[in-house]
Each structure stands twice: as structure tokens, then as C-alpha cells.
Amino acid sequence: MADFWGGVGCAQRSGPRKETDCGVQTIEFIPIAKRKCRKRGIDEGWVRETILNPDQKVKGYAGRMVAQKKYLRGGKEYLLRVVSEEHGESCIVVSAYFTSKVERYWQGKASS
């Protein structure tokens, strides 16, 4: 679990692009997703970290995937949910949001 207001530990990658464990080489944001992230105070680095290193991936609507990662803020647990469409080696971010209702969205046995 990461502390998203105290530093998320998103390593900036340098050098040639390498394929990640999830097969994604590029992460793109649709314009409205980028605007909503800014409005919600969600850093693009957190979104990328959640896609590349999710705590959990679940199926979303219409064949979309939802990458989920738990974060702490002021001692309270939040879940960052990133809704995306995967097209080959590209991941298109459709939406991203924080929720405090971790139990509602977490699938399987809850873990901290």
C-alpha cells in the first residue's frame, strides 16, 4: 500500500521502453480522462503505477479492465480505480478515481 500524499514511489523509467509484466508498453489517456484526473487531483504517475503494478485487476463493463491499488491518506485507506481498454501493447485510460469504499470494489478476500 502506498501513501499517495506522502510520495507514491513511482519510479520514473528512463532509457528504451521495455515491456512490463502486464504486456503494456504505452499508456495513453483519452482527453476527458486527463481532465478528470486533474480535476480530482490524481497525478498521472499514480495512474501509471496502478496500471503497471496493480494490487488487483478486475473486469469492468464492455470488456474494460479496472486496475486497483490501495493508498493511504491520513491513516485512512483509499482505492485508486483505473478503468482502461487494452489494445495490443497499448493501454487507453478511460477514467480514474479514488474511493474510500474499498470493500465495495475489492474482489476476493480483503487484504491490507
N, C-alpha and C. Protein backbone atom coordinates (compact mmCIF):
# COMPACT_ATOMS: atom_id res chain seq x y z
N MET A 1 0.85 -1.17 0.00
CA MET A 1 0.00 0.00 0.00
C MET A 1 0.89 1.23 0.00
N ALA A 2 0.55 2.21 -0.80
CA ALA A 2 1.36 3.41 -0.92
C ALA A 2 0.67 4.58 -0.25
N ASP A 3 1.46 5.57 0.13
CA ASP A 3 0.93 6.79 0.72
C ASP A 3 0.89 7.83 -0.39
N PHE A 4 -0.30 8.13 -0.94
CA PHE A 4 -0.34 8.95 -2.14
C PHE A 4 -0.17 10.43 -1.89
N TRP A 5 -0.22 10.90 -0.67
CA TRP A 5 0.07 12.31 -0.43
C TRP A 5 1.48 12.48 0.13
N GLY A 6 2.12 11.39 0.49
CA GLY A 6 3.45 11.49 1.04
C GLY A 6 4.49 10.90 0.11
N GLY A 7 4.17 10.69 -1.13
CA GLY A 7 5.10 10.11 -2.08
C GLY A 7 4.66 8.72 -2.44
N VAL A 8 4.54 8.46 -3.71
CA VAL A 8 3.96 7.20 -4.13
C VAL A 8 5.00 6.17 -4.51
N GLY A 9 6.21 6.58 -4.68
CA GLY A 9 7.23 5.61 -5.06
C GLY A 9 7.12 5.17 -6.49
N CYS A 10 6.67 6.05 -7.37
CA CYS A 10 6.60 5.73 -8.79
C CYS A 10 7.96 5.99 -9.39
N ALA A 11 8.66 4.95 -9.74
CA ALA A 11 9.97 5.12 -10.36
C ALA A 11 9.79 5.64 -11.77
N GLN A 12 10.47 6.68 -12.11
CA GLN A 12 10.44 7.19 -13.47
C GLN A 12 11.36 6.32 -14.31
N ARG A 13 10.84 5.80 -15.38
CA ARG A 13 11.64 4.92 -16.22
C ARG A 13 12.42 5.76 -17.23
N SER A 14 13.66 5.37 -17.42
CA SER A 14 14.47 6.07 -18.41
C SER A 14 15.04 5.05 -19.37
N GLY A 15 15.57 5.55 -20.47
CA GLY A 15 16.14 4.64 -21.45
C GLY A 15 15.09 4.07 -22.35
N PRO A 16 15.45 3.03 -23.11
CA PRO A 16 14.49 2.45 -24.05
C PRO A 16 13.30 1.84 -23.33
N ARG A 17 12.17 1.90 -23.99
CA ARG A 17 10.95 1.34 -23.44
C ARG A 17 11.04 -0.17 -23.35
N LYS A 18 10.65 -0.72 -22.21
CA LYS A 18 10.68 -2.17 -22.03
C LYS A 18 9.26 -2.65 -21.75
N GLU A 19 8.98 -3.85 -22.19
CA GLU A 19 7.67 -4.43 -21.92
C GLU A 19 7.58 -4.75 -20.44
N THR A 20 6.44 -4.44 -19.84
CA THR A 20 6.23 -4.72 -18.43
C THR A 20 5.61 -6.10 -18.28
N ASP A 21 5.44 -6.52 -17.04
CA ASP A 21 4.84 -7.82 -16.76
C ASP A 21 3.43 -7.94 -17.34
N CYS A 22 2.72 -6.82 -17.41
CA CYS A 22 1.34 -6.88 -17.90
C CYS A 22 1.27 -6.75 -19.42
N GLY A 23 2.39 -6.61 -20.10
CA GLY A 23 2.38 -6.54 -21.55
C GLY A 23 2.14 -5.16 -22.12
N VAL A 24 1.99 -4.16 -21.27
CA VAL A 24 1.71 -2.80 -21.73
C VAL A 24 3.03 -2.06 -21.98
N GLN A 25 3.14 -1.47 -23.15
CA GLN A 25 4.32 -0.66 -23.45
C GLN A 25 3.99 0.82 -23.46
N THR A 26 2.76 1.17 -23.84
CA THR A 26 2.37 2.58 -23.85
C THR A 26 1.07 2.75 -23.08
N ILE A 27 0.99 3.86 -22.36
CA ILE A 27 -0.22 4.21 -21.62
C ILE A 27 -0.66 5.57 -22.13
N GLU A 28 -1.89 5.64 -22.63
CA GLU A 28 -2.44 6.87 -23.17
C GLU A 28 -3.71 7.21 -22.41
N PHE A 29 -4.02 8.49 -22.36
CA PHE A 29 -5.22 8.98 -21.69
C PHE A 29 -6.14 9.60 -22.74
N ILE A 30 -7.44 9.24 -22.70
CA ILE A 30 -8.37 9.98 -23.55
C ILE A 30 -8.49 11.37 -22.93
N PRO A 31 -8.79 12.40 -23.71
CA PRO A 31 -8.80 13.78 -23.18
C PRO A 31 -9.66 13.97 -21.94
N ILE A 32 -10.85 13.40 -21.91
CA ILE A 32 -11.71 13.61 -20.74
C ILE A 32 -11.12 12.94 -19.49
N ALA A 33 -10.45 11.81 -19.65
CA ALA A 33 -9.82 11.15 -18.51
C ALA A 33 -8.70 12.02 -17.94
N LYS A 34 -7.95 12.65 -18.82
CA LYS A 34 -6.86 13.54 -18.38
C LYS A 34 -7.43 14.73 -17.61
N ARG A 35 -8.52 15.32 -18.14
CA ARG A 35 -9.16 16.46 -17.45
C ARG A 35 -9.71 16.05 -16.09
N LYS A 36 -10.37 14.88 -16.05
CA LYS A 36 -10.97 14.43 -14.80
C LYS A 36 -9.89 14.13 -13.76
N CYS A 37 -8.77 13.56 -14.18
CA CYS A 37 -7.66 13.29 -13.26
C CYS A 37 -7.18 14.60 -12.64
N ARG A 38 -6.98 15.61 -13.49
CA ARG A 38 -6.54 16.92 -12.97
C ARG A 38 -7.56 17.47 -11.98
N LYS A 39 -8.84 17.41 -12.36
CA LYS A 39 -9.91 17.94 -11.51
C LYS A 39 -9.98 17.20 -10.17
N ARG A 40 -9.73 15.90 -10.19
CA ARG A 40 -9.80 15.08 -8.98
C ARG A 40 -8.49 15.06 -8.19
N GLY A 41 -7.47 15.73 -8.72
CA GLY A 41 -6.19 15.77 -8.03
C GLY A 41 -5.42 14.47 -8.09
N ILE A 42 -5.63 13.71 -9.16
CA ILE A 42 -4.96 12.42 -9.33
C ILE A 42 -3.79 12.61 -10.29
N ASP A 43 -2.60 12.38 -9.80
CA ASP A 43 -1.39 12.51 -10.60
C ASP A 43 -1.32 11.39 -11.63
N GLU A 44 -0.89 11.73 -12.84
CA GLU A 44 -0.77 10.71 -13.89
C GLU A 44 0.21 9.61 -13.48
N GLY A 45 1.20 9.94 -12.68
CA GLY A 45 2.15 8.94 -12.19
C GLY A 45 1.48 7.88 -11.35
N TRP A 46 0.48 8.28 -10.54
CA TRP A 46 -0.25 7.31 -9.73
C TRP A 46 -1.05 6.37 -10.62
N VAL A 47 -1.63 6.94 -11.69
CA VAL A 47 -2.42 6.14 -12.64
C VAL A 47 -1.50 5.12 -13.31
N ARG A 48 -0.34 5.58 -13.78
CA ARG A 48 0.61 4.68 -14.43
C ARG A 48 1.09 3.59 -13.47
N GLU A 49 1.38 3.96 -12.24
CA GLU A 49 1.83 2.99 -11.24
C GLU A 49 0.74 1.95 -10.98
N THR A 50 -0.50 2.38 -10.94
CA THR A 50 -1.62 1.46 -10.70
C THR A 50 -1.79 0.50 -11.87
N ILE A 51 -1.61 0.98 -13.09
CA ILE A 51 -1.73 0.11 -14.26
C ILE A 51 -0.58 -0.89 -14.31
N LEU A 52 0.63 -0.40 -14.08
CA LEU A 52 1.81 -1.26 -14.21
C LEU A 52 2.02 -2.20 -13.03
N ASN A 53 1.58 -1.78 -11.84
CA ASN A 53 1.77 -2.59 -10.62
C ASN A 53 0.49 -2.60 -9.78
N PRO A 54 -0.61 -3.12 -10.32
CA PRO A 54 -1.86 -3.09 -9.56
C PRO A 54 -1.85 -4.06 -8.39
N ASP A 55 -2.60 -3.72 -7.36
CA ASP A 55 -2.83 -4.68 -6.27
C ASP A 55 -3.82 -5.73 -6.75
N GLN A 56 -4.70 -5.32 -7.67
CA GLN A 56 -5.72 -6.22 -8.18
C GLN A 56 -6.22 -5.70 -9.53
N LYS A 57 -6.55 -6.61 -10.44
CA LYS A 57 -7.20 -6.27 -11.71
C LYS A 57 -8.52 -7.00 -11.75
N VAL A 58 -9.58 -6.28 -12.10
CA VAL A 58 -10.91 -6.88 -12.19
C VAL A 58 -11.53 -6.49 -13.53
N LYS A 59 -12.51 -7.28 -13.95
CA LYS A 59 -13.20 -6.98 -15.20
C LYS A 59 -14.19 -5.85 -14.98
N GLY A 60 -14.19 -4.94 -15.95
CA GLY A 60 -15.14 -3.84 -15.93
C GLY A 60 -16.22 -4.09 -16.96
N TYR A 61 -17.01 -3.07 -17.23
CA TYR A 61 -18.06 -3.17 -18.23
C TYR A 61 -17.49 -3.09 -19.63
N ALA A 62 -18.18 -3.67 -20.58
CA ALA A 62 -17.86 -3.59 -22.01
C ALA A 62 -16.43 -4.02 -22.32
N GLY A 63 -15.94 -5.04 -21.62
CA GLY A 63 -14.61 -5.58 -21.90
C GLY A 63 -13.47 -4.75 -21.34
N ARG A 64 -13.78 -3.73 -20.58
CA ARG A 64 -12.72 -2.90 -19.99
C ARG A 64 -12.13 -3.57 -18.76
N MET A 65 -10.91 -3.19 -18.43
CA MET A 65 -10.24 -3.69 -17.23
C MET A 65 -10.16 -2.56 -16.21
N VAL A 66 -10.21 -2.95 -14.93
CA VAL A 66 -10.07 -1.98 -13.86
C VAL A 66 -8.88 -2.40 -13.01
N ALA A 67 -7.83 -1.59 -13.03
CA ALA A 67 -6.67 -1.82 -12.18
C ALA A 67 -6.93 -1.10 -10.87
N GLN A 68 -6.65 -1.78 -9.76
CA GLN A 68 -6.93 -1.21 -8.44
C GLN A 68 -5.67 -1.25 -7.59
N LYS A 69 -5.46 -0.16 -6.85
CA LYS A 69 -4.32 -0.09 -5.95
C LYS A 69 -4.75 0.66 -4.70
N LYS A 70 -4.37 0.13 -3.54
CA LYS A 70 -4.70 0.76 -2.26
C LYS A 70 -3.65 1.80 -1.89
N TYR A 71 -4.14 2.92 -1.37
CA TYR A 71 -3.28 4.01 -0.93
C TYR A 71 -3.75 4.49 0.44
N LEU A 72 -2.86 5.11 1.19
CA LEU A 72 -3.19 5.69 2.49
C LEU A 72 -3.17 7.20 2.41
N ARG A 73 -4.10 7.81 3.09
CA ARG A 73 -4.11 9.27 3.26
C ARG A 73 -4.57 9.55 4.67
N GLY A 74 -3.71 10.16 5.43
CA GLY A 74 -4.06 10.49 6.82
C GLY A 74 -4.50 9.27 7.61
N GLY A 75 -3.87 8.13 7.33
CA GLY A 75 -4.20 6.91 8.06
C GLY A 75 -5.44 6.19 7.55
N LYS A 76 -6.11 6.74 6.56
CA LYS A 76 -7.31 6.11 6.00
C LYS A 76 -6.99 5.47 4.66
N GLU A 77 -7.56 4.30 4.43
CA GLU A 77 -7.31 3.56 3.20
C GLU A 77 -8.25 4.01 2.08
N TYR A 78 -7.67 4.23 0.90
CA TYR A 78 -8.42 4.57 -0.30
C TYR A 78 -8.02 3.61 -1.40
N LEU A 79 -8.89 3.48 -2.38
CA LEU A 79 -8.63 2.63 -3.53
C LEU A 79 -8.62 3.49 -4.78
N LEU A 80 -7.51 3.43 -5.53
CA LEU A 80 -7.48 4.11 -6.82
C LEU A 80 -7.92 3.09 -7.86
N ARG A 81 -8.98 3.41 -8.58
CA ARG A 81 -9.51 2.54 -9.62
C ARG A 81 -9.24 3.19 -10.97
N VAL A 82 -8.55 2.48 -11.84
CA VAL A 82 -8.22 2.98 -13.17
C VAL A 82 -8.91 2.10 -14.20
N VAL A 83 -9.87 2.69 -14.90
CA VAL A 83 -10.63 1.98 -15.92
C VAL A 83 -9.91 2.18 -17.25
N SER A 84 -9.62 1.07 -17.94
CA SER A 84 -8.87 1.18 -19.19
C SER A 84 -9.30 0.13 -20.20
N GLU A 85 -8.89 0.40 -21.43
CA GLU A 85 -9.08 -0.56 -22.52
C GLU A 85 -7.69 -0.93 -23.01
N GLU A 86 -7.44 -2.22 -23.16
CA GLU A 86 -6.15 -2.66 -23.64
C GLU A 86 -6.26 -3.04 -25.12
N HIS A 87 -5.38 -2.48 -25.92
CA HIS A 87 -5.33 -2.73 -27.36
C HIS A 87 -3.90 -3.13 -27.69
N GLY A 88 -3.65 -4.42 -27.73
CA GLY A 88 -2.30 -4.90 -28.00
C GLY A 88 -1.36 -4.47 -26.89
N GLU A 89 -0.35 -3.70 -27.22
CA GLU A 89 0.62 -3.24 -26.24
C GLU A 89 0.27 -1.87 -25.67
N SER A 90 -0.88 -1.32 -26.07
CA SER A 90 -1.32 -0.02 -25.59
C SER A 90 -2.44 -0.16 -24.57
N CYS A 91 -2.41 0.72 -23.60
CA CYS A 91 -3.45 0.79 -22.58
C CYS A 91 -4.05 2.19 -22.67
N ILE A 92 -5.35 2.28 -22.91
CA ILE A 92 -6.04 3.56 -23.03
C ILE A 92 -6.82 3.80 -21.74
N VAL A 93 -6.44 4.85 -20.99
CA VAL A 93 -7.11 5.18 -19.73
C VAL A 93 -8.40 5.91 -20.05
N VAL A 94 -9.51 5.35 -19.57
CA VAL A 94 -10.83 5.92 -19.79
C VAL A 94 -11.27 6.76 -18.60
N SER A 95 -10.91 6.32 -17.39
CA SER A 95 -11.29 7.03 -16.17
C SER A 95 -10.39 6.58 -15.03
N ALA A 96 -10.29 7.42 -14.01
CA ALA A 96 -9.56 7.07 -12.80
C ALA A 96 -10.17 7.85 -11.64
N TYR A 97 -10.34 7.18 -10.51
CA TYR A 97 -10.91 7.87 -9.35
C TYR A 97 -10.53 7.15 -8.07
N PHE A 98 -10.48 7.93 -6.98
CA PHE A 98 -10.26 7.38 -5.65
C PHE A 98 -11.60 7.12 -5.00
N THR A 99 -11.69 6.06 -4.22
CA THR A 99 -12.87 5.78 -3.42
C THR A 99 -12.43 5.29 -2.05
N SER A 100 -13.20 5.65 -1.05
CA SER A 100 -12.94 5.15 0.30
C SER A 100 -13.68 3.84 0.54
N LYS A 101 -14.52 3.43 -0.41
CA LYS A 101 -15.32 2.22 -0.26
C LYS A 101 -14.57 1.01 -0.83
N VAL A 102 -13.44 0.71 -0.19
CA VAL A 102 -12.57 -0.36 -0.66
C VAL A 102 -13.31 -1.69 -0.68
N GLU A 103 -14.06 -2.00 0.37
CA GLU A 103 -14.76 -3.29 0.48
C GLU A 103 -15.76 -3.49 -0.66
N ARG A 104 -16.33 -2.40 -1.13
CA ARG A 104 -17.34 -2.49 -2.18
C ARG A 104 -16.74 -3.00 -3.49
N TYR A 105 -15.52 -2.58 -3.80
CA TYR A 105 -14.91 -2.89 -5.09
C TYR A 105 -13.87 -4.00 -5.05
N TRP A 106 -13.32 -4.28 -3.85
CA TRP A 106 -12.28 -5.30 -3.76
C TRP A 106 -12.90 -6.67 -3.94
N GLN A 107 -12.32 -7.48 -4.81
CA GLN A 107 -12.85 -8.81 -5.06
C GLN A 107 -11.99 -9.84 -4.35
N GLY A 108 -12.65 -10.85 -3.82
CA GLY A 108 -11.93 -11.87 -3.08
C GLY A 108 -11.70 -11.45 -1.65
N LYS A 109 -10.82 -12.15 -1.00
CA LYS A 109 -10.52 -11.87 0.40
C LYS A 109 -9.80 -10.54 0.52
N ALA A 110 -10.30 -9.67 1.41
CA ALA A 110 -9.70 -8.36 1.62
C ALA A 110 -8.32 -8.53 2.23
N SER A 111 -7.38 -7.73 1.73
CA SER A 111 -6.03 -7.75 2.30
C SER A 111 -5.51 -6.34 2.39
N SER A 112 -4.65 -6.08 3.34
CA SER A 112 -4.09 -4.74 3.52
C SER A 112 -2.67 -4.68 3.06
